[in-house]
Amino acid sequence: GKCLEISNGIVRVVVTTDFGPRIIRYSFIDGENMFYENKDRSFGASGE
């Protein structure tokens, strides 16, 4: 969803604002994300 992207033309930093926050991405502009993404919410905790 809604995030803030901060960039200097070398790297991208993307931070969630609909929840969290999580710094969800840190990468070179043309590179792969060094951070893990769990888009389907499959990893978490809940219960009684």
All heavy atoms as atom14 arrays in JSON, in Angstrom:
{
  "sequence": "GKCLEISNGIVRVVVTTDFGPRIIRYSFIDGENMFYENKDRSFGASGE",
  "atom14_mask": [
    [1, 1, 1, 1, 0, 0, 0, 0, 0, 0, 0, 0, 0, 0],
    [1, 1, 1, 1, 1, 1, 1, 1, 1, 0, 0, 0, 0, 0],
    [1, 1, 1, 1, 1, 1, 0, 0, 0, 0, 0, 0, 0, 0],
    [1, 1, 1, 1, 1, 1, 1, 1, 0, 0, 0, 0, 0, 0],
    [1, 1, 1, 1, 1, 1, 1, 1, 1, 0, 0, 0, 0, 0],
    [1, 1, 1, 1, 1, 1, 1, 1, 0, 0, 0, 0, 0, 0],
    [1, 1, 1, 1, 1, 1, 0, 0, 0, 0, 0, 0, 0, 0],
    [1, 1, 1, 1, 1, 1, 1, 1, 0, 0, 0, 0, 0, 0],
    [1, 1, 1, 1, 0, 0, 0, 0, 0, 0, 0, 0, 0, 0],
    [1, 1, 1, 1, 1, 1, 1, 1, 0, 0, 0, 0, 0, 0],
    [1, 1, 1, 1, 1, 1, 1, 0, 0, 0, 0, 0, 0, 0],
    [1, 1, 1, 1, 1, 1, 1, 1, 1, 1, 1, 0, 0, 0],
    [1, 1, 1, 1, 1, 1, 1, 0, 0, 0, 0, 0, 0, 0],
    [1, 1, 1, 1, 1, 1, 1, 0, 0, 0, 0, 0, 0, 0],
    [1, 1, 1, 1, 1, 1, 1, 0, 0, 0, 0, 0, 0, 0],
    [1, 1, 1, 1, 1, 1, 1, 0, 0, 0, 0, 0, 0, 0],
    [1, 1, 1, 1, 1, 1, 1, 0, 0, 0, 0, 0, 0, 0],
    [1, 1, 1, 1, 1, 1, 1, 1, 0, 0, 0, 0, 0, 0],
    [1, 1, 1, 1, 1, 1, 1, 1, 1, 1, 1, 0, 0, 0],
    [1, 1, 1, 1, 0, 0, 0, 0, 0, 0, 0, 0, 0, 0],
    [1, 1, 1, 1, 1, 1, 1, 0, 0, 0, 0, 0, 0, 0],
    [1, 1, 1, 1, 1, 1, 1, 1, 1, 1, 1, 0, 0, 0],
    [1, 1, 1, 1, 1, 1, 1, 1, 0, 0, 0, 0, 0, 0],
    [1, 1, 1, 1, 1, 1, 1, 1, 0, 0, 0, 0, 0, 0],
    [1, 1, 1, 1, 1, 1, 1, 1, 1, 1, 1, 0, 0, 0],
    [1, 1, 1, 1, 1, 1, 1, 1, 1, 1, 1, 1, 0, 0],
    [1, 1, 1, 1, 1, 1, 0, 0, 0, 0, 0, 0, 0, 0],
    [1, 1, 1, 1, 1, 1, 1, 1, 1, 1, 1, 0, 0, 0],
    [1, 1, 1, 1, 1, 1, 1, 1, 0, 0, 0, 0, 0, 0],
    [1, 1, 1, 1, 1, 1, 1, 1, 0, 0, 0, 0, 0, 0],
    [1, 1, 1, 1, 0, 0, 0, 0, 0, 0, 0, 0, 0, 0],
    [1, 1, 1, 1, 1, 1, 1, 1, 1, 0, 0, 0, 0, 0],
    [1, 1, 1, 1, 1, 1, 1, 1, 0, 0, 0, 0, 0, 0],
    [1, 1, 1, 1, 1, 1, 1, 1, 0, 0, 0, 0, 0, 0],
    [1, 1, 1, 1, 1, 1, 1, 1, 1, 1, 1, 0, 0, 0],
    [1, 1, 1, 1, 1, 1, 1, 1, 1, 1, 1, 1, 0, 0],
    [1, 1, 1, 1, 1, 1, 1, 1, 1, 0, 0, 0, 0, 0],
    [1, 1, 1, 1, 1, 1, 1, 1, 0, 0, 0, 0, 0, 0],
    [1, 1, 1, 1, 1, 1, 1, 1, 1, 0, 0, 0, 0, 0],
    [1, 1, 1, 1, 1, 1, 1, 1, 0, 0, 0, 0, 0, 0],
    [1, 1, 1, 1, 1, 1, 1, 1, 1, 1, 1, 0, 0, 0],
    [1, 1, 1, 1, 1, 1, 0, 0, 0, 0, 0, 0, 0, 0],
    [1, 1, 1, 1, 1, 1, 1, 1, 1, 1, 1, 0, 0, 0],
    [1, 1, 1, 1, 0, 0, 0, 0, 0, 0, 0, 0, 0, 0],
    [1, 1, 1, 1, 1, 0, 0, 0, 0, 0, 0, 0, 0, 0],
    [1, 1, 1, 1, 1, 1, 0, 0, 0, 0, 0, 0, 0, 0],
    [1, 1, 1, 1, 0, 0, 0, 0, 0, 0, 0, 0, 0, 0],
    [1, 1, 1, 1, 1, 1, 1, 1, 1, 0, 0, 0, 0, 0]
  ],
  "atom14_positions": [
    [[0.81, -1.21, 0.0], [0.0, 0.0, 0.0], [0.84, 1.26, 0.0], [1.89, 1.35, -0.63], [0.0, 0.0, 0.0], [0.0, 0.0, 0.0], [0.0, 0.0, 0.0], [0.0, 0.0, 0.0], [0.0, 0.0, 0.0], [0.0, 0.0, 0.0], [0.0, 0.0, 0.0], [0.0, 0.0, 0.0], [0.0, 0.0, 0.0], [0.0, 0.0, 0.0]],
    [[0.36, 2.26, 0.74], [0.99, 3.58, 0.74], [2.33, 3.54, 1.5], [2.42, 3.06, 2.63], [0.06, 4.59, 1.4], [0.49, 6.04, 1.26], [-0.43, 6.96, 2.04], [-1.86, 6.87, 1.54], [-2.75, 7.79, 2.3], [0.0, 0.0, 0.0], [0.0, 0.0, 0.0], [0.0, 0.0, 0.0], [0.0, 0.0, 0.0], [0.0, 0.0, 0.0]],
    [[3.36, 4.06, 0.84], [4.7, 4.11, 1.42], [5.36, 5.43, 1.07], [4.93, 6.14, 0.15], [5.57, 2.97, 0.89], [5.02, 1.3, 1.32], [0.0, 0.0, 0.0], [0.0, 0.0, 0.0], [0.0, 0.0, 0.0], [0.0, 0.0, 0.0], [0.0, 0.0, 0.0], [0.0, 0.0, 0.0], [0.0, 0.0, 0.0], [0.0, 0.0, 0.0]],
    [[6.42, 5.76, 1.79], [7.27, 6.9, 1.43], [8.58, 6.36, 0.88], [9.24, 5.55, 1.54], [7.54, 7.8, 2.63], [8.33, 9.07, 2.29], [7.44, 10.08, 1.56], [8.96, 9.7, 3.54], [0.0, 0.0, 0.0], [0.0, 0.0, 0.0], [0.0, 0.0, 0.0], [0.0, 0.0, 0.0], [0.0, 0.0, 0.0], [0.0, 0.0, 0.0]],
    [[8.94, 6.83, -0.31], [10.23, 6.47, -0.91], [11.19, 7.63, -0.73], [10.89, 8.77, -1.09], [10.08, 6.16, -2.39], [11.4, 5.77, -3.05], [11.28, 5.59, -4.55], [11.22, 6.62, -5.26], [11.22, 4.44, -4.99], [0.0, 0.0, 0.0], [0.0, 0.0, 0.0], [0.0, 0.0, 0.0], [0.0, 0.0, 0.0], [0.0, 0.0, 0.0]],
    [[12.37, 7.33, -0.18], [13.45, 8.3, -0.01], [14.6, 7.83, -0.89], [15.02, 6.68, -0.81], [13.9, 8.38, 1.46], [12.71, 8.64, 2.38], [14.98, 9.45, 1.63], [13.02, 8.45, 3.85], [0.0, 0.0, 0.0], [0.0, 0.0, 0.0], [0.0, 0.0, 0.0], [0.0, 0.0, 0.0], [0.0, 0.0, 0.0], [0.0, 0.0, 0.0]],
    [[15.12, 8.73, -1.73], [16.17, 8.32, -2.67], [17.16, 9.46, -2.89], [16.8, 10.64, -2.8], [15.56, 7.89, -4.01], [16.58, 7.53, -4.93], [0.0, 0.0, 0.0], [0.0, 0.0, 0.0], [0.0, 0.0, 0.0], [0.0, 0.0, 0.0], [0.0, 0.0, 0.0], [0.0, 0.0, 0.0], [0.0, 0.0, 0.0], [0.0, 0.0, 0.0]],
    [[18.4, 9.09, -3.19], [19.41, 10.08, -3.58], [19.97, 9.79, -4.97], [21.01, 10.33, -5.35], [20.55, 10.11, -2.56], [21.25, 8.76, -2.4], [20.94, 7.81, -3.11], [22.18, 8.67, -1.46], [0.0, 0.0, 0.0], [0.0, 0.0, 0.0], [0.0, 0.0, 0.0], [0.0, 0.0, 0.0], [0.0, 0.0, 0.0], [0.0, 0.0, 0.0]],
    [[19.27, 8.96, -5.73], [19.73, 8.58, -7.05], [20.71, 7.42, -7.05], [21.04, 6.88, -8.11], [0.0, 0.0, 0.0], [0.0, 0.0, 0.0], [0.0, 0.0, 0.0], [0.0, 0.0, 0.0], [0.0, 0.0, 0.0], [0.0, 0.0, 0.0], [0.0, 0.0, 0.0], [0.0, 0.0, 0.0], [0.0, 0.0, 0.0], [0.0, 0.0, 0.0]],
    [[21.16, 7.02, -5.85], [22.08, 5.88, -5.71], [21.33, 4.68, -5.14], [21.41, 3.57, -5.66], [23.28, 6.24, -4.82], [24.01, 7.48, -5.34], [24.24, 5.04, -4.7], [25.04, 8.03, -4.37], [0.0, 0.0, 0.0], [0.0, 0.0, 0.0], [0.0, 0.0, 0.0], [0.0, 0.0, 0.0], [0.0, 0.0, 0.0], [0.0, 0.0, 0.0]],
    [[20.61, 4.94, -4.04], [19.82, 3.89, -3.38], [18.39, 4.37, -3.16], [18.1, 5.57, -3.19], [20.44, 3.46, -2.03], [21.76, 2.76, -2.23], [20.57, 4.65, -1.09], [0.0, 0.0, 0.0], [0.0, 0.0, 0.0], [0.0, 0.0, 0.0], [0.0, 0.0, 0.0], [0.0, 0.0, 0.0], [0.0, 0.0, 0.0], [0.0, 0.0, 0.0]],
    [[17.51, 3.39, -2.92], [16.11, 3.64, -2.56], [15.86, 3.1, -1.16], [16.28, 1.99, -0.82], [15.15, 2.92, -3.5], [15.19, 3.27, -4.94], [14.29, 2.32, -5.73], [12.87, 2.45, -5.38], [11.95, 1.53, -5.64], [12.28, 0.39, -6.24], [10.69, 1.72, -5.3], [0.0, 0.0, 0.0], [0.0, 0.0, 0.0], [0.0, 0.0, 0.0]],
    [[15.15, 3.88, -0.35], [14.67, 3.44, 0.95], [13.16, 3.62, 0.93], [12.68, 4.73, 0.69], [15.3, 4.26, 2.09], [14.73, 3.83, 3.44], [16.82, 4.14, 2.08], [0.0, 0.0, 0.0], [0.0, 0.0, 0.0], [0.0, 0.0, 0.0], [0.0, 0.0, 0.0], [0.0, 0.0, 0.0], [0.0, 0.0, 0.0], [0.0, 0.0, 0.0]],
    [[12.41, 2.54, 1.16], [10.95, 2.6, 1.12], [10.42, 2.22, 2.49], [10.77, 1.18, 3.05], [10.38, 1.64, 0.04], [8.85, 1.67, 0.06], [10.9, 2.05, -1.35], [0.0, 0.0, 0.0], [0.0, 0.0, 0.0], [0.0, 0.0, 0.0], [0.0, 0.0, 0.0], [0.0, 0.0, 0.0], [0.0, 0.0, 0.0], [0.0, 0.0, 0.0]],
    [[9.53, 3.09, 3.04], [9.01, 2.92, 4.4], [7.49, 2.85, 4.33], [6.85, 3.73, 3.73], [9.45, 4.06, 5.32], [9.04, 3.76, 6.76], [10.95, 4.3, 5.22], [0.0, 0.0, 0.0], [0.0, 0.0, 0.0], [0.0, 0.0, 0.0], [0.0, 0.0, 0.0], [0.0, 0.0, 0.0], [0.0, 0.0, 0.0], [0.0, 0.0, 0.0]],
    [[6.89, 1.85, 4.95], [5.44, 1.71, 4.96], [4.8, 2.8, 5.82], [5.33, 3.17, 6.87], [5.0, 0.34, 5.49], [5.39, 0.22, 6.87], [5.64, -0.79, 4.7], [0.0, 0.0, 0.0], [0.0, 0.0, 0.0], [0.0, 0.0, 0.0], [0.0, 0.0, 0.0], [0.0, 0.0, 0.0], [0.0, 0.0, 0.0], [0.0, 0.0, 0.0]],
    [[3.64, 3.29, 5.37], [2.9, 4.27, 6.17], [1.45, 3.84, 6.41], [0.76, 4.46, 7.23], [2.93, 5.66, 5.5], [2.37, 5.57, 4.18], [4.35, 6.18, 5.42], [0.0, 0.0, 0.0], [0.0, 0.0, 0.0], [0.0, 0.0, 0.0], [0.0, 0.0, 0.0], [0.0, 0.0, 0.0], [0.0, 0.0, 0.0], [0.0, 0.0, 0.0]],
    [[0.97, 2.81, 5.74], [-0.37, 2.29, 6.03], [-0.38, 1.44, 7.29], [-1.43, 1.14, 7.84], [-0.88, 1.45, 4.85], [-1.55, 2.31, 3.77], [-1.84, 3.48, 4.05], [-1.78, 1.78, 2.66], [0.0, 0.0, 0.0], [0.0, 0.0, 0.0], [0.0, 0.0, 0.0], [0.0, 0.0, 0.0], [0.0, 0.0, 0.0], [0.0, 0.0, 0.0]],
    [[0.8, 1.05, 7.77], [0.94, 0.25, 8.99], [2.41, 0.32, 9.37], [3.26, 0.83, 8.65], [0.53, -1.21, 8.75], [1.26, -1.85, 7.61], [2.51, -2.41, 7.79], [0.72, -1.88, 6.34], [3.21, -2.98, 6.73], [1.4, -2.44, 5.27], [2.65, -2.99, 5.47], [0.0, 0.0, 0.0], [0.0, 0.0, 0.0], [0.0, 0.0, 0.0]],
    [[2.74, -0.25, 10.52], [4.15, -0.37, 10.91], [4.61, 0.74, 11.85], [4.03, 0.94, 12.9], [0.0, 0.0, 0.0], [0.0, 0.0, 0.0], [0.0, 0.0, 0.0], [0.0, 0.0, 0.0], [0.0, 0.0, 0.0], [0.0, 0.0, 0.0], [0.0, 0.0, 0.0], [0.0, 0.0, 0.0], [0.0, 0.0, 0.0], [0.0, 0.0, 0.0]],
    [[5.69, 1.45, 11.48], [6.34, 1.39, 10.17], [7.31, 0.22, 10.02], [7.84, -0.29, 11.0], [7.12, 2.71, 10.14], [7.48, 2.96, 11.58], [6.31, 2.44, 12.38], [0.0, 0.0, 0.0], [0.0, 0.0, 0.0], [0.0, 0.0, 0.0], [0.0, 0.0, 0.0], [0.0, 0.0, 0.0], [0.0, 0.0, 0.0], [0.0, 0.0, 0.0]],
    [[7.53, -0.15, 8.75], [8.61, -1.04, 8.36], [9.42, -0.35, 7.27], [8.83, 0.21, 6.32], [8.09, -2.36, 7.77], [7.29, -3.21, 8.71], [8.13, -3.82, 9.84], [7.36, -4.85, 10.54], [6.48, -4.59, 11.51], [6.26, -3.34, 11.87], [5.82, -5.57, 12.11], [0.0, 0.0, 0.0], [0.0, 0.0, 0.0], [0.0, 0.0, 0.0]],
    [[10.73, -0.37, 7.41], [11.58, 0.03, 6.28], [11.65, -1.22, 5.41], [12.4, -2.14, 5.67], [12.96, 0.5, 6.75], [12.79, 1.65, 7.76], [13.8, 0.97, 5.54], [14.09, 2.15, 8.36], [0.0, 0.0, 0.0], [0.0, 0.0, 0.0], [0.0, 0.0, 0.0], [0.0, 0.0, 0.0], [0.0, 0.0, 0.0], [0.0, 0.0, 0.0]],
    [[10.81, -1.24, 4.4], [10.54, -2.48, 3.68], [11.5, -2.71, 2.53], [11.63, -3.83, 2.03], [9.07, -2.52, 3.2], [8.61, -3.96, 2.95], [8.86, -1.63, 1.97], [8.6, -4.82, 4.17], [0.0, 0.0, 0.0], [0.0, 0.0, 0.0], [0.0, 0.0, 0.0], [0.0, 0.0, 0.0], [0.0, 0.0, 0.0], [0.0, 0.0, 0.0]],
    [[12.19, -1.66, 2.1], [13.13, -1.82, 0.99], [14.37, -0.95, 1.22], [14.27, 0.21, 1.61], [12.49, -1.44, -0.35], [13.41, -1.7, -1.55], [12.8, -1.31, -2.88], [13.66, -1.73, -3.97], [13.57, -2.89, -4.61], [12.61, -3.74, -4.28], [14.42, -3.21, -5.57], [0.0, 0.0, 0.0], [0.0, 0.0, 0.0], [0.0, 0.0, 0.0]],
    [[15.53, -1.56, 0.94], [16.81, -0.85, 0.88], [17.58, -1.49, -0.25], [17.93, -2.67, -0.18], [17.55, -0.97, 2.21], [18.9, -0.28, 2.27], [19.11, 0.97, 1.71], [19.96, -0.9, 2.92], [20.34, 1.6, 1.8], [21.19, -0.29, 3.03], [21.38, 0.97, 2.47], [22.61, 1.58, 2.56], [0.0, 0.0, 0.0], [0.0, 0.0, 0.0]],
    [[17.82, -0.72, -1.3], [18.45, -1.3, -2.49], [19.11, -0.22, -3.31], [18.79, 0.97, -3.19], [17.4, -2.0, -3.37], [16.53, -1.06, -3.96], [0.0, 0.0, 0.0], [0.0, 0.0, 0.0], [0.0, 0.0, 0.0], [0.0, 0.0, 0.0], [0.0, 0.0, 0.0], [0.0, 0.0, 0.0], [0.0, 0.0, 0.0], [0.0, 0.0, 0.0]],
    [[20.04, -0.64, -4.16], [20.5, 0.26, -5.22], [19.32, 0.54, -6.14], [18.37, -0.25, -6.22], [21.65, -0.38, -6.0], [22.96, -0.37, -5.26], [23.46, -1.55, -4.69], [23.7, 0.79, -5.13], [24.66, -1.55, -4.0], [24.92, 0.8, -4.44], [25.39, -0.38, -3.88], [0.0, 0.0, 0.0], [0.0, 0.0, 0.0], [0.0, 0.0, 0.0]],
    [[19.39, 1.66, -6.83], [18.29, 2.05, -7.71], [17.95, 0.93, -8.68], [16.77, 0.64, -8.95], [18.66, 3.34, -8.49], [18.76, 4.54, -7.53], [17.64, 3.62, -9.58], [17.47, 4.9, -6.84], [0.0, 0.0, 0.0], [0.0, 0.0, 0.0], [0.0, 0.0, 0.0], [0.0, 0.0, 0.0], [0.0, 0.0, 0.0], [0.0, 0.0, 0.0]],
    [[18.97, 0.26, -9.21], [18.75, -0.81, -10.19], [19.0, -2.19, -9.58], [19.17, -3.17, -10.3], [19.68, -0.61, -11.4], [21.16, -0.6, -11.01], [21.46, -0.53, -9.81], [22.01, -0.65, -11.92], [0.0, 0.0, 0.0], [0.0, 0.0, 0.0], [0.0, 0.0, 0.0], [0.0, 0.0, 0.0], [0.0, 0.0, 0.0], [0.0, 0.0, 0.0]],
    [[19.01, -2.29, -8.25], [19.38, -3.53, -7.6], [18.22, -4.25, -6.96], [17.08, -3.77, -6.93], [0.0, 0.0, 0.0], [0.0, 0.0, 0.0], [0.0, 0.0, 0.0], [0.0, 0.0, 0.0], [0.0, 0.0, 0.0], [0.0, 0.0, 0.0], [0.0, 0.0, 0.0], [0.0, 0.0, 0.0], [0.0, 0.0, 0.0], [0.0, 0.0, 0.0]],
    [[18.51, -5.45, -6.45], [17.51, -6.23, -5.75], [17.37, -5.73, -4.32], [18.3, -5.16, -3.74], [17.9, -7.71, -5.75], [17.93, -8.36, -7.12], [18.11, -9.87, -7.04], [17.34, -10.51, -6.3], [19.02, -10.38, -7.69], [0.0, 0.0, 0.0], [0.0, 0.0, 0.0], [0.0, 0.0, 0.0], [0.0, 0.0, 0.0], [0.0, 0.0, 0.0]],
    [[16.21, -5.97, -3.74], [15.97, -5.58, -2.35], [16.8, -6.46, -1.43], [16.71, -7.68, -1.47], [14.48, -5.72, -2.03], [14.09, -5.09, -0.71], [14.93, -4.49, -0.03], [12.83, -5.21, -0.34], [0.0, 0.0, 0.0], [0.0, 0.0, 0.0], [0.0, 0.0, 0.0], [0.0, 0.0, 0.0], [0.0, 0.0, 0.0], [0.0, 0.0, 0.0]],
    [[17.59, -5.84, -0.55], [18.34, -6.61, 0.44], [17.44, -7.1, 1.57], [17.82, -8.0, 2.33], [19.48, -5.77, 1.02], [20.63, -5.53, 0.05], [21.48, -7.05, -0.46], [22.36, -7.48, 1.04], [0.0, 0.0, 0.0], [0.0, 0.0, 0.0], [0.0, 0.0, 0.0], [0.0, 0.0, 0.0], [0.0, 0.0, 0.0], [0.0, 0.0, 0.0]],
    [[16.25, -6.52, 1.69], [15.36, -6.86, 2.78], [14.31, -7.88, 2.34], [13.9, -7.92, 1.19], [14.66, -5.61, 3.31], [15.57, -4.64, 4.02], [15.08, -3.42, 4.48], [16.91, -4.92, 4.24], [15.9, -2.53, 5.13], [17.75, -4.03, 4.89], [17.24, -2.83, 5.35], [0.0, 0.0, 0.0], [0.0, 0.0, 0.0], [0.0, 0.0, 0.0]],
    [[13.87, -8.68, 3.29], [12.83, -9.69, 3.07], [11.46, -9.03, 3.01], [11.16, -8.11, 3.78], [12.88, -10.71, 4.2], [11.76, -11.7, 4.23], [11.67, -12.73, 3.3], [10.78, -11.63, 5.22], [10.65, -13.66, 3.35], [9.75, -12.56, 5.28], [9.69, -13.57, 4.34], [8.66, -14.48, 4.39], [0.0, 0.0, 0.0], [0.0, 0.0, 0.0]],
    [[10.61, -9.5, 2.11], [9.24, -9.03, 2.0], [8.28, -10.19, 2.22], [8.41, -11.24, 1.61], [8.98, -8.41, 0.62], [9.85, -7.18, 0.34], [9.55, -6.56, -1.03], [8.6, -7.02, -1.7], [10.27, -5.64, -1.42], [0.0, 0.0, 0.0], [0.0, 0.0, 0.0], [0.0, 0.0, 0.0], [0.0, 0.0, 0.0], [0.0, 0.0, 0.0]],
    [[7.32, -9.99, 3.12], [6.3, -10.99, 3.39], [4.94, -10.41, 3.0], [4.13, -10.01, 3.83], [6.32, -11.4, 4.86], [5.42, -12.58, 5.18], [4.64, -12.53, 6.11], [5.53, -13.66, 4.41], [0.0, 0.0, 0.0], [0.0, 0.0, 0.0], [0.0, 0.0, 0.0], [0.0, 0.0, 0.0], [0.0, 0.0, 0.0], [0.0, 0.0, 0.0]],
    [[4.71, -10.33, 1.7], [3.54, -9.63, 1.18], [2.23, -10.33, 1.51], [1.19, -9.69, 1.63], [3.66, -9.49, -0.34], [4.83, -8.63, -0.78], [4.94, -8.57, -2.29], [6.15, -7.76, -2.72], [6.3, -7.72, -4.19], [0.0, 0.0, 0.0], [0.0, 0.0, 0.0], [0.0, 0.0, 0.0], [0.0, 0.0, 0.0], [0.0, 0.0, 0.0]],
    [[2.26, -11.65, 1.65], [1.01, -12.38, 1.88], [0.68, -12.55, 3.37], [-0.27, -13.24, 3.72], [1.05, -13.75, 1.2], [2.16, -14.65, 1.74], [2.86, -14.24, 2.7], [2.33, -15.76, 1.21], [0.0, 0.0, 0.0], [0.0, 0.0, 0.0], [0.0, 0.0, 0.0], [0.0, 0.0, 0.0], [0.0, 0.0, 0.0], [0.0, 0.0, 0.0]],
    [[1.47, -11.9, 4.23], [1.2, -11.93, 5.68], [1.2, -13.36, 6.23], [0.47, -13.69, 7.17], [-0.13, -11.26, 6.02], [-0.43, -9.96, 5.3], [0.5, -8.83, 5.7], [-0.02, -7.55, 5.25], [0.37, -6.9, 4.15], [1.28, -7.46, 3.36], [-0.13, -5.71, 3.84], [0.0, 0.0, 0.0], [0.0, 0.0, 0.0], [0.0, 0.0, 0.0]],
    [[2.03, -14.21, 5.67], [2.03, -15.62, 6.06], [2.81, -15.88, 7.34], [2.72, -16.96, 7.92], [2.61, -16.48, 4.93], [3.95, -16.11, 4.65], [0.0, 0.0, 0.0], [0.0, 0.0, 0.0], [0.0, 0.0, 0.0], [0.0, 0.0, 0.0], [0.0, 0.0, 0.0], [0.0, 0.0, 0.0], [0.0, 0.0, 0.0], [0.0, 0.0, 0.0]],
    [[3.59, -14.89, 7.79], [4.42, -15.08, 8.99], [3.96, -14.06, 10.04], [4.02, -12.86, 9.81], [5.9, -14.87, 8.67], [6.84, -15.28, 9.76], [7.44, -16.53, 9.75], [7.12, -14.42, 10.81], [8.31, -16.91, 10.76], [7.99, -14.8, 11.83], [8.59, -16.05, 11.8], [0.0, 0.0, 0.0], [0.0, 0.0, 0.0], [0.0, 0.0, 0.0]],
    [[3.47, -14.55, 11.16], [2.98, -13.64, 12.19], [2.69, -14.38, 13.48], [3.14, -15.51, 13.68], [0.0, 0.0, 0.0], [0.0, 0.0, 0.0], [0.0, 0.0, 0.0], [0.0, 0.0, 0.0], [0.0, 0.0, 0.0], [0.0, 0.0, 0.0], [0.0, 0.0, 0.0], [0.0, 0.0, 0.0], [0.0, 0.0, 0.0], [0.0, 0.0, 0.0]],
    [[1.92, -13.73, 14.35], [1.59, -14.31, 15.64], [0.19, -13.85, 16.05], [-0.16, -12.68, 15.86], [2.61, -13.91, 16.7], [0.0, 0.0, 0.0], [0.0, 0.0, 0.0], [0.0, 0.0, 0.0], [0.0, 0.0, 0.0], [0.0, 0.0, 0.0], [0.0, 0.0, 0.0], [0.0, 0.0, 0.0], [0.0, 0.0, 0.0], [0.0, 0.0, 0.0]],
    [[-0.58, -14.78, 16.6], [-1.92, -14.46, 17.06], [-2.33, -15.56, 18.03], [-1.55, -16.47, 18.33], [-2.91, -14.38, 15.88], [-2.96, -15.62, 15.18], [0.0, 0.0, 0.0], [0.0, 0.0, 0.0], [0.0, 0.0, 0.0], [0.0, 0.0, 0.0], [0.0, 0.0, 0.0], [0.0, 0.0, 0.0], [0.0, 0.0, 0.0], [0.0, 0.0, 0.0]],
    [[-3.56, -15.49, 18.53], [-4.05, -16.52, 19.42], [-4.77, -15.95, 20.61], [-5.05, -14.75, 20.7], [0.0, 0.0, 0.0], [0.0, 0.0, 0.0], [0.0, 0.0, 0.0], [0.0, 0.0, 0.0], [0.0, 0.0, 0.0], [0.0, 0.0, 0.0], [0.0, 0.0, 0.0], [0.0, 0.0, 0.0], [0.0, 0.0, 0.0], [0.0, 0.0, 0.0]],
    [[-5.07, -16.81, 21.55], [-5.88, -16.41, 22.71], [-5.22, -15.31, 23.52], [-5.9, -14.39, 24.01], [-6.13, -17.64, 23.59], [-7.05, -17.39, 24.76], [-7.32, -18.64, 25.57], [-7.07, -19.75, 25.04], [-7.77, -18.51, 26.72], [0.0, 0.0, 0.0], [0.0, 0.0, 0.0], [0.0, 0.0, 0.0], [0.0, 0.0, 0.0], [0.0, 0.0, 0.0]]
  ]
}
